[in-house]
Amino acid sequence: MTGKSNDDAASAALLATALRGIRKSRRMRTSEVAQAMDMPVRSYEHFEAGHGRMTYGRLVRFAEATNSDPVALLSVAAIGSAEFAQRCADNKLMQIVMIALSELNDDLGEDIVYLESGAIIGGMTRLCKDLAEHVRKRDTFAETWLESRAPRMNRTISPESGRFKPRVSR
């Protein structure tokens, strides 16, 4: 086998893992996805195994059938992670990125050539750091919110009146 053949086989295996993982996470049978893609079950099984034609159209049909991100599926080989497509299946991260880039292309047109690599790298790095920070704050926001409001549920009953005593604010 040549190096290119090995690369193609590795890419097909990653994509097959992503397809199978997404289908299973959606709790769908191969027959359900095949029907939604308007394919015979055997052809779909061949497709999901990473054999045959992996066209953009087929990946889009799979994504529509499983409500996942077709662009993340295309990115699996470049990123080297089948899990990436599975992680993007619900939030459609890569599809959103491509839509934003399409809008940038519409906005700038030929002037897109004047974007400097350093500016692109800096902007993308800031965006990625901001998104990571958003996820981290989301987790701490929920914890902080619960901690600040949980004392309301821990009020005591006054022995004299038999009613709840309001908690003392600090």
N, C-alpha and C. Protein backbone atom coordinates (compact mmCIF):
# COMPACT_ATOMS: atom_id res chain seq x y z
N MET A 1 0.83 -1.19 0.00
CA MET A 1 0.00 0.00 0.00
C MET A 1 0.87 1.25 0.00
N THR A 2 0.47 2.26 -0.72
CA THR A 2 1.23 3.50 -0.76
C THR A 2 0.84 4.38 0.42
N GLY A 3 1.62 5.45 0.64
CA GLY A 3 1.30 6.38 1.71
C GLY A 3 -0.05 7.03 1.52
N LYS A 4 -0.38 7.37 0.28
CA LYS A 4 -1.68 7.99 0.00
C LYS A 4 -2.81 7.03 0.32
N SER A 5 -2.65 5.76 -0.04
CA SER A 5 -3.67 4.76 0.24
C SER A 5 -3.86 4.58 1.74
N ASN A 6 -2.73 4.59 2.48
CA ASN A 6 -2.82 4.50 3.94
C ASN A 6 -3.56 5.69 4.52
N ASP A 7 -3.26 6.90 4.02
CA ASP A 7 -3.94 8.10 4.48
C ASP A 7 -5.43 8.03 4.17
N ASP A 8 -5.77 7.59 2.97
CA ASP A 8 -7.18 7.48 2.58
C ASP A 8 -7.90 6.47 3.46
N ALA A 9 -7.25 5.36 3.74
CA ALA A 9 -7.86 4.32 4.58
C ALA A 9 -8.05 4.84 6.01
N ALA A 10 -7.07 5.57 6.52
CA ALA A 10 -7.17 6.13 7.87
C ALA A 10 -8.28 7.17 7.93
N SER A 11 -8.39 8.01 6.91
CA SER A 11 -9.45 9.01 6.86
C SER A 11 -10.83 8.35 6.79
N ALA A 12 -10.94 7.32 5.96
CA ALA A 12 -12.21 6.59 5.84
C ALA A 12 -12.59 5.93 7.15
N ALA A 13 -11.60 5.39 7.86
CA ALA A 13 -11.87 4.75 9.16
C ALA A 13 -12.34 5.78 10.19
N LEU A 14 -11.71 6.96 10.20
CA LEU A 14 -12.15 8.02 11.11
C LEU A 14 -13.58 8.45 10.80
N LEU A 15 -13.86 8.65 9.52
CA LEU A 15 -15.20 9.07 9.13
C LEU A 15 -16.23 7.99 9.47
N ALA A 16 -15.89 6.73 9.25
CA ALA A 16 -16.80 5.63 9.58
C ALA A 16 -17.11 5.62 11.08
N THR A 17 -16.07 5.85 11.90
CA THR A 17 -16.27 5.91 13.35
C THR A 17 -17.19 7.07 13.72
N ALA A 18 -17.02 8.21 13.06
CA ALA A 18 -17.86 9.37 13.33
C ALA A 18 -19.31 9.09 12.93
N LEU A 19 -19.51 8.54 11.76
CA LEU A 19 -20.88 8.24 11.29
C LEU A 19 -21.58 7.28 12.24
N ARG A 20 -20.90 6.20 12.58
CA ARG A 20 -21.49 5.20 13.46
C ARG A 20 -21.77 5.81 14.84
N GLY A 21 -20.82 6.60 15.35
CA GLY A 21 -21.01 7.23 16.66
C GLY A 21 -22.19 8.17 16.69
N ILE A 22 -22.35 8.97 15.66
CA ILE A 22 -23.48 9.90 15.61
C ILE A 22 -24.79 9.13 15.52
N ARG A 23 -24.83 8.12 14.64
CA ARG A 23 -26.07 7.33 14.49
C ARG A 23 -26.44 6.70 15.83
N LYS A 24 -25.46 6.11 16.51
CA LYS A 24 -25.74 5.45 17.79
C LYS A 24 -26.16 6.45 18.87
N SER A 25 -25.53 7.63 18.87
CA SER A 25 -25.91 8.64 19.87
C SER A 25 -27.33 9.15 19.64
N ARG A 26 -27.78 9.04 18.41
CA ARG A 26 -29.16 9.42 18.07
C ARG A 26 -30.14 8.26 18.28
N ARG A 27 -29.58 7.13 18.72
CA ARG A 27 -30.37 5.91 18.95
C ARG A 27 -31.18 5.51 17.70
N MET A 28 -30.49 5.57 16.57
CA MET A 28 -31.12 5.22 15.29
C MET A 28 -30.53 3.91 14.79
N ARG A 29 -31.37 3.11 14.17
CA ARG A 29 -30.92 1.88 13.53
C ARG A 29 -30.41 2.23 12.13
N THR A 30 -29.57 1.35 11.59
CA THR A 30 -29.07 1.58 10.23
C THR A 30 -30.21 1.68 9.25
N SER A 31 -31.25 0.89 9.46
CA SER A 31 -32.40 0.91 8.53
C SER A 31 -33.11 2.26 8.56
N GLU A 32 -33.17 2.91 9.73
CA GLU A 32 -33.81 4.22 9.83
C GLU A 32 -33.02 5.28 9.08
N VAL A 33 -31.71 5.27 9.24
CA VAL A 33 -30.87 6.26 8.56
C VAL A 33 -30.89 6.00 7.06
N ALA A 34 -30.82 4.72 6.68
CA ALA A 34 -30.86 4.37 5.26
C ALA A 34 -32.15 4.87 4.62
N GLN A 35 -33.26 4.66 5.30
CA GLN A 35 -34.54 5.12 4.77
C GLN A 35 -34.57 6.64 4.65
N ALA A 36 -34.08 7.33 5.68
CA ALA A 36 -34.07 8.80 5.65
C ALA A 36 -33.16 9.33 4.54
N MET A 37 -32.11 8.57 4.21
CA MET A 37 -31.19 8.98 3.16
C MET A 37 -31.62 8.46 1.79
N ASP A 38 -32.73 7.72 1.77
CA ASP A 38 -33.25 7.13 0.53
C ASP A 38 -32.23 6.21 -0.11
N MET A 39 -31.67 5.33 0.72
CA MET A 39 -30.66 4.36 0.28
C MET A 39 -31.09 2.97 0.70
N PRO A 40 -30.71 1.95 -0.06
CA PRO A 40 -30.91 0.59 0.42
C PRO A 40 -30.06 0.37 1.69
N VAL A 41 -30.55 -0.46 2.58
CA VAL A 41 -29.85 -0.68 3.85
C VAL A 41 -28.42 -1.16 3.62
N ARG A 42 -28.22 -2.10 2.71
CA ARG A 42 -26.87 -2.61 2.45
C ARG A 42 -25.95 -1.50 1.95
N SER A 43 -26.46 -0.62 1.10
CA SER A 43 -25.65 0.50 0.61
C SER A 43 -25.30 1.44 1.75
N TYR A 44 -26.27 1.68 2.63
CA TYR A 44 -25.99 2.54 3.77
C TYR A 44 -24.93 1.90 4.67
N GLU A 45 -25.05 0.62 4.96
CA GLU A 45 -24.08 -0.06 5.81
C GLU A 45 -22.68 0.03 5.20
N HIS A 46 -22.60 -0.10 3.89
CA HIS A 46 -21.33 0.04 3.17
C HIS A 46 -20.79 1.47 3.35
N PHE A 47 -21.67 2.44 3.21
CA PHE A 47 -21.33 3.86 3.39
C PHE A 47 -20.84 4.10 4.82
N GLU A 48 -21.59 3.63 5.81
CA GLU A 48 -21.24 3.87 7.21
C GLU A 48 -19.93 3.19 7.58
N ALA A 49 -19.60 2.12 6.89
CA ALA A 49 -18.34 1.42 7.14
C ALA A 49 -17.14 2.14 6.53
N GLY A 50 -17.40 3.22 5.81
CA GLY A 50 -16.31 4.00 5.22
C GLY A 50 -15.90 3.54 3.85
N HIS A 51 -16.73 2.74 3.21
CA HIS A 51 -16.44 2.24 1.87
C HIS A 51 -17.31 2.99 0.87
N GLY A 52 -16.91 2.96 -0.36
CA GLY A 52 -17.71 3.60 -1.40
C GLY A 52 -17.48 5.10 -1.45
N ARG A 53 -18.36 5.77 -2.14
CA ARG A 53 -18.22 7.22 -2.36
C ARG A 53 -18.64 8.02 -1.13
N MET A 54 -17.73 8.81 -0.64
CA MET A 54 -18.01 9.71 0.48
C MET A 54 -18.15 11.11 -0.09
N THR A 55 -19.25 11.38 -0.71
CA THR A 55 -19.45 12.69 -1.33
C THR A 55 -20.03 13.67 -0.32
N TYR A 56 -19.88 14.93 -0.63
CA TYR A 56 -20.46 15.96 0.24
C TYR A 56 -21.97 15.79 0.30
N GLY A 57 -22.59 15.47 -0.83
CA GLY A 57 -24.04 15.26 -0.86
C GLY A 57 -24.49 14.15 0.07
N ARG A 58 -23.75 13.06 0.10
CA ARG A 58 -24.10 11.95 0.99
C ARG A 58 -23.92 12.35 2.45
N LEU A 59 -22.86 13.09 2.73
CA LEU A 59 -22.64 13.53 4.12
C LEU A 59 -23.72 14.50 4.55
N VAL A 60 -24.16 15.36 3.65
CA VAL A 60 -25.26 16.29 3.97
C VAL A 60 -26.54 15.50 4.23
N ARG A 61 -26.82 14.50 3.41
CA ARG A 61 -28.03 13.69 3.62
C ARG A 61 -27.96 12.93 4.94
N PHE A 62 -26.77 12.43 5.28
CA PHE A 62 -26.60 11.77 6.58
C PHE A 62 -26.85 12.77 7.70
N ALA A 63 -26.27 13.96 7.58
CA ALA A 63 -26.44 14.99 8.62
C ALA A 63 -27.90 15.39 8.76
N GLU A 64 -28.61 15.50 7.65
CA GLU A 64 -30.04 15.81 7.72
C GLU A 64 -30.80 14.68 8.40
N ALA A 65 -30.47 13.44 8.07
CA ALA A 65 -31.15 12.29 8.64
C ALA A 65 -30.91 12.17 10.14
N THR A 66 -29.72 12.58 10.60
CA THR A 66 -29.36 12.44 12.01
C THR A 66 -29.34 13.77 12.76
N ASN A 67 -29.73 14.85 12.09
CA ASN A 67 -29.69 16.19 12.67
C ASN A 67 -28.31 16.47 13.27
N SER A 68 -27.29 16.36 12.42
CA SER A 68 -25.92 16.60 12.86
C SER A 68 -25.24 17.61 11.93
N ASP A 69 -23.95 17.80 12.08
CA ASP A 69 -23.20 18.84 11.38
C ASP A 69 -22.41 18.25 10.21
N PRO A 70 -22.83 18.52 8.96
CA PRO A 70 -22.13 17.94 7.82
C PRO A 70 -20.70 18.47 7.66
N VAL A 71 -20.46 19.70 8.02
CA VAL A 71 -19.12 20.28 7.86
C VAL A 71 -18.16 19.67 8.89
N ALA A 72 -18.66 19.36 10.08
CA ALA A 72 -17.82 18.68 11.07
C ALA A 72 -17.42 17.30 10.56
N LEU A 73 -18.33 16.64 9.84
CA LEU A 73 -17.99 15.34 9.25
C LEU A 73 -16.85 15.49 8.25
N LEU A 74 -16.91 16.54 7.44
CA LEU A 74 -15.83 16.80 6.48
C LEU A 74 -14.51 17.10 7.18
N SER A 75 -14.58 17.63 8.38
CA SER A 75 -13.39 18.05 9.11
C SER A 75 -12.69 16.93 9.86
N VAL A 76 -13.34 15.79 9.96
CA VAL A 76 -12.82 14.68 10.75
C VAL A 76 -11.39 14.31 10.35
N ALA A 77 -11.13 14.14 9.07
CA ALA A 77 -9.80 13.74 8.62
C ALA A 77 -8.77 14.84 8.87
N ALA A 78 -9.14 16.09 8.60
CA ALA A 78 -8.20 17.20 8.79
C ALA A 78 -7.83 17.37 10.27
N ILE A 79 -8.80 17.19 11.14
CA ILE A 79 -8.55 17.36 12.58
C ILE A 79 -7.99 16.08 13.18
N GLY A 80 -8.28 14.95 12.55
CA GLY A 80 -7.79 13.67 13.04
C GLY A 80 -8.57 13.14 14.23
N SER A 81 -9.87 13.48 14.27
CA SER A 81 -10.68 13.08 15.42
C SER A 81 -12.11 12.80 14.99
N ALA A 82 -12.52 11.54 15.10
CA ALA A 82 -13.92 11.18 14.83
C ALA A 82 -14.83 11.80 15.89
N GLU A 83 -14.31 11.93 17.10
CA GLU A 83 -15.10 12.49 18.19
C GLU A 83 -15.47 13.95 17.94
N PHE A 84 -14.66 14.65 17.16
CA PHE A 84 -14.96 16.05 16.85
C PHE A 84 -16.33 16.17 16.19
N ALA A 85 -16.61 15.33 15.22
CA ALA A 85 -17.92 15.37 14.54
C ALA A 85 -19.03 15.03 15.51
N GLN A 86 -18.78 14.10 16.41
CA GLN A 86 -19.80 13.74 17.40
C GLN A 86 -20.04 14.90 18.36
N ARG A 87 -18.97 15.59 18.74
CA ARG A 87 -19.09 16.71 19.68
C ARG A 87 -19.81 17.90 19.05
N CYS A 88 -19.68 18.04 17.74
CA CYS A 88 -20.31 19.16 17.02
C CYS A 88 -21.71 18.83 16.51
N ALA A 89 -22.14 17.60 16.69
CA ALA A 89 -23.41 17.16 16.11
C ALA A 89 -24.58 18.03 16.57
N ASP A 90 -24.63 18.38 17.84
CA ASP A 90 -25.78 19.13 18.36
C ASP A 90 -25.66 20.64 18.16
N ASN A 91 -24.46 21.19 18.39
CA ASN A 91 -24.34 22.65 18.32
C ASN A 91 -23.99 23.16 16.92
N LYS A 92 -23.66 22.26 16.00
CA LYS A 92 -23.38 22.60 14.59
C LYS A 92 -22.23 23.61 14.47
N LEU A 93 -21.20 23.45 15.30
CA LEU A 93 -20.08 24.38 15.34
C LEU A 93 -19.48 24.65 13.97
N MET A 94 -19.11 23.61 13.25
CA MET A 94 -18.43 23.82 11.97
C MET A 94 -19.36 24.39 10.91
N GLN A 95 -20.62 24.01 10.94
CA GLN A 95 -21.58 24.58 9.99
C GLN A 95 -21.72 26.08 10.24
N ILE A 96 -21.76 26.47 11.49
CA ILE A 96 -21.85 27.89 11.85
C ILE A 96 -20.60 28.64 11.39
N VAL A 97 -19.43 28.04 11.61
CA VAL A 97 -18.17 28.67 11.17
C VAL A 97 -18.19 28.88 9.66
N MET A 98 -18.62 27.88 8.92
CA MET A 98 -18.63 28.00 7.45
C MET A 98 -19.66 29.03 6.98
N ILE A 99 -20.79 29.12 7.66
CA ILE A 99 -21.77 30.15 7.30
C ILE A 99 -21.18 31.53 7.55
N ALA A 100 -20.50 31.71 8.69
CA ALA A 100 -19.87 33.00 8.99
C ALA A 100 -18.80 33.34 7.95
N LEU A 101 -18.00 32.34 7.55
CA LEU A 101 -16.98 32.59 6.53
C LEU A 101 -17.62 32.90 5.17
N SER A 102 -18.73 32.27 4.87
CA SER A 102 -19.44 32.56 3.64
C SER A 102 -19.94 34.00 3.64
N GLU A 103 -20.44 34.45 4.80
CA GLU A 103 -20.90 35.83 4.91
C GLU A 103 -19.72 36.81 4.79
N LEU A 104 -18.57 36.43 5.36
CA LEU A 104 -17.37 37.26 5.21
C LEU A 104 -16.98 37.36 3.74
N ASN A 105 -17.05 36.25 3.03
CA ASN A 105 -16.74 36.23 1.61
C ASN A 105 -17.72 37.13 0.84
N ASP A 106 -19.00 37.06 1.18
CA ASP A 106 -19.99 37.93 0.53
C ASP A 106 -19.71 39.40 0.82
N ASP A 107 -19.32 39.68 2.06
CA ASP A 107 -19.07 41.05 2.48
C ASP A 107 -17.81 41.63 1.82
N LEU A 108 -16.73 40.88 1.85
CA LEU A 108 -15.45 41.40 1.34
C LEU A 108 -15.22 41.14 -0.14
N GLY A 109 -15.79 40.06 -0.64
CA GLY A 109 -15.56 39.73 -2.05
C GLY A 109 -14.08 39.58 -2.33
N GLU A 110 -13.63 40.19 -3.40
CA GLU A 110 -12.21 40.09 -3.78
C GLU A 110 -11.26 40.66 -2.74
N ASP A 111 -11.76 41.57 -1.90
CA ASP A 111 -10.90 42.17 -0.87
C ASP A 111 -10.50 41.18 0.21
N ILE A 112 -11.06 39.99 0.20
CA ILE A 112 -10.69 38.98 1.20
C ILE A 112 -9.20 38.63 1.09
N VAL A 113 -8.61 38.86 -0.08
CA VAL A 113 -7.18 38.58 -0.25
C VAL A 113 -6.31 39.50 0.61
N TYR A 114 -6.86 40.62 1.07
CA TYR A 114 -6.09 41.56 1.88
C TYR A 114 -6.07 41.20 3.36
N LEU A 115 -6.79 40.15 3.74
CA LEU A 115 -6.71 39.69 5.13
C LEU A 115 -5.32 39.10 5.34
N GLU A 116 -4.64 39.56 6.36
CA GLU A 116 -3.30 39.07 6.64
C GLU A 116 -3.39 37.83 7.53
N SER A 117 -2.50 36.90 7.30
CA SER A 117 -2.49 35.65 8.07
C SER A 117 -2.43 35.91 9.56
N GLY A 118 -1.61 36.87 9.97
CA GLY A 118 -1.49 37.18 11.40
C GLY A 118 -2.81 37.65 11.99
N ALA A 119 -3.54 38.48 11.25
CA ALA A 119 -4.84 38.96 11.73
C ALA A 119 -5.84 37.81 11.83
N ILE A 120 -5.80 36.91 10.87
CA ILE A 120 -6.71 35.76 10.89
C ILE A 120 -6.39 34.85 12.08
N ILE A 121 -5.09 34.57 12.27
CA ILE A 121 -4.68 33.72 13.38
C ILE A 121 -5.06 34.37 14.71
N GLY A 122 -4.78 35.65 14.85
CA GLY A 122 -5.12 36.35 16.10
C GLY A 122 -6.61 36.36 16.36
N GLY A 123 -7.39 36.64 15.33
CA GLY A 123 -8.85 36.66 15.49
C GLY A 123 -9.42 35.30 15.84
N MET A 124 -8.93 34.26 15.16
CA MET A 124 -9.43 32.91 15.43
C MET A 124 -9.00 32.44 16.82
N THR A 125 -7.78 32.80 17.21
CA THR A 125 -7.30 32.42 18.54
C THR A 125 -8.14 33.08 19.62
N ARG A 126 -8.43 34.38 19.45
CA ARG A 126 -9.28 35.09 20.42
C ARG A 126 -10.67 34.47 20.47
N LEU A 127 -11.23 34.18 19.30
CA LEU A 127 -12.56 33.57 19.24
C LEU A 127 -12.58 32.24 20.00
N CYS A 128 -11.59 31.40 19.75
CA CYS A 128 -11.54 30.09 20.40
C CYS A 128 -11.37 30.23 21.92
N LYS A 129 -10.53 31.17 22.35
CA LYS A 129 -10.36 31.40 23.79
C LYS A 129 -11.65 31.93 24.41
N ASP A 130 -12.33 32.83 23.72
CA ASP A 130 -13.61 33.35 24.22
C ASP A 130 -14.66 32.25 24.33
N LEU A 131 -14.72 31.37 23.35
CA LEU A 131 -15.69 30.27 23.39
C LEU A 131 -15.36 29.32 24.55
N ALA A 132 -14.09 29.02 24.74
CA ALA A 132 -13.69 28.15 25.85
C ALA A 132 -14.04 28.80 27.18
N GLU A 133 -13.79 30.10 27.30
CA GLU A 133 -14.12 30.84 28.52
C GLU A 133 -15.63 30.82 28.77
N HIS A 134 -16.41 30.97 27.71
CA HIS A 134 -17.87 30.92 27.82
C HIS A 134 -18.33 29.58 28.41
N VAL A 135 -17.74 28.50 27.94
CA VAL A 135 -18.11 27.18 28.45
C VAL A 135 -17.71 27.06 29.92
N ARG A 136 -16.53 27.52 30.26
CA ARG A 136 -16.09 27.44 31.66
C ARG A 136 -16.97 28.29 32.57
N LYS A 137 -17.34 29.49 32.13
CA LYS A 137 -18.20 30.36 32.94
C LYS A 137 -19.60 29.78 33.06
N ARG A 138 -20.06 29.10 32.02
CA ARG A 138 -21.39 28.48 32.07
C ARG A 138 -21.45 27.51 33.23
N ASP A 139 -20.41 26.71 33.40
CA ASP A 139 -20.37 25.75 34.48
C ASP A 139 -20.34 26.45 35.84
N THR A 140 -19.51 27.48 35.97
CA THR A 140 -19.41 28.16 37.26
C THR A 140 -20.64 29.02 37.51
N PHE A 141 -21.29 29.54 36.46
CA PHE A 141 -22.51 30.32 36.64
C PHE A 141 -23.58 29.48 37.33
N ALA A 142 -23.78 28.26 36.87
CA ALA A 142 -24.80 27.39 37.44
C ALA A 142 -24.47 27.08 38.90
N GLU A 143 -23.21 26.79 39.18
CA GLU A 143 -22.82 26.50 40.55
C GLU A 143 -23.03 27.71 41.46
N THR A 144 -22.62 28.88 41.01
CA THR A 144 -22.77 30.11 41.80
C THR A 144 -24.25 30.42 42.03
N TRP A 145 -25.04 30.28 41.00
CA TRP A 145 -26.48 30.54 41.10
C TRP A 145 -27.12 29.64 42.14
N LEU A 146 -26.80 28.36 42.09
CA LEU A 146 -27.36 27.41 43.06
C LEU A 146 -26.91 27.74 44.48
N GLU A 147 -25.63 28.04 44.64
CA GLU A 147 -25.12 28.35 45.98
C GLU A 147 -25.78 29.59 46.56
N SER A 148 -26.03 30.58 45.73
CA SER A 148 -26.62 31.82 46.24
C SER A 148 -28.10 31.69 46.54
N ARG A 149 -28.77 30.74 45.93
CA ARG A 149 -30.21 30.61 46.12
C ARG A 149 -30.62 29.41 46.97
N ALA A 150 -29.73 28.48 47.18
CA ALA A 150 -30.04 27.29 47.97
C ALA A 150 -30.45 27.63 49.40
N PRO A 151 -29.87 28.67 50.04
CA PRO A 151 -30.29 28.98 51.41
C PRO A 151 -31.79 29.26 51.53
N ARG A 152 -32.43 29.72 50.49
CA ARG A 152 -33.88 29.94 50.54
C ARG A 152 -34.62 28.65 50.85
N MET A 153 -34.05 27.55 50.40
CA MET A 153 -34.68 26.26 50.61
C MET A 153 -34.35 25.70 51.99
N ASN A 154 -33.42 26.33 52.68
CA ASN A 154 -32.96 25.83 53.98
C ASN A 154 -33.49 26.67 55.14
N ARG A 155 -34.60 27.31 54.94
CA ARG A 155 -35.19 28.10 56.03
C ARG A 155 -35.68 27.17 57.13
N THR A 156 -35.72 27.70 58.34
CA THR A 156 -36.20 26.90 59.47
C THR A 156 -37.58 27.37 59.88
N ILE A 157 -38.29 26.50 60.59
CA ILE A 157 -39.62 26.85 61.09
C ILE A 157 -39.46 27.40 62.50
N SER A 158 -40.10 28.55 62.75
CA SER A 158 -40.05 29.19 64.05
C SER A 158 -40.90 28.38 65.03
N PRO A 159 -40.32 28.00 66.17
CA PRO A 159 -41.09 27.21 67.14
C PRO A 159 -42.29 27.98 67.69
N GLU A 160 -42.20 29.31 67.82
CA GLU A 160 -43.30 30.09 68.39
C GLU A 160 -44.51 30.12 67.46
N SER A 161 -44.26 30.41 66.19
CA SER A 161 -45.39 30.62 65.28
C SER A 161 -45.70 29.41 64.41
N GLY A 162 -44.76 28.49 64.29
CA GLY A 162 -44.97 27.36 63.39
C GLY A 162 -44.83 27.75 61.93
N ARG A 163 -44.31 28.95 61.67
CA ARG A 163 -44.11 29.43 60.30
C ARG A 163 -42.63 29.48 59.97
N PHE A 164 -42.38 29.57 58.67
CA PHE A 164 -40.98 29.68 58.24
C PHE A 164 -40.39 31.00 58.68
N LYS A 165 -39.16 30.92 59.18
CA LYS A 165 -38.42 32.14 59.48
C LYS A 165 -37.64 32.48 58.23
N PRO A 166 -37.74 33.73 57.77
CA PRO A 166 -36.94 34.10 56.60
C PRO A 166 -35.47 34.02 56.94
N ARG A 167 -34.70 33.70 55.95
CA ARG A 167 -33.27 33.61 56.19
C ARG A 167 -32.73 35.02 56.34
N VAL A 168 -31.71 35.14 57.11
CA VAL A 168 -31.08 36.44 57.35
C VAL A 168 -30.11 36.71 56.21
N SER A 169 -30.29 37.86 55.56
CA SER A 169 -29.38 38.24 54.48
C SER A 169 -28.09 38.73 55.06
N ARG A 170 -27.03 38.39 54.38
CA ARG A 170 -25.71 38.84 54.85
C ARG A 170 -25.14 39.83 53.90
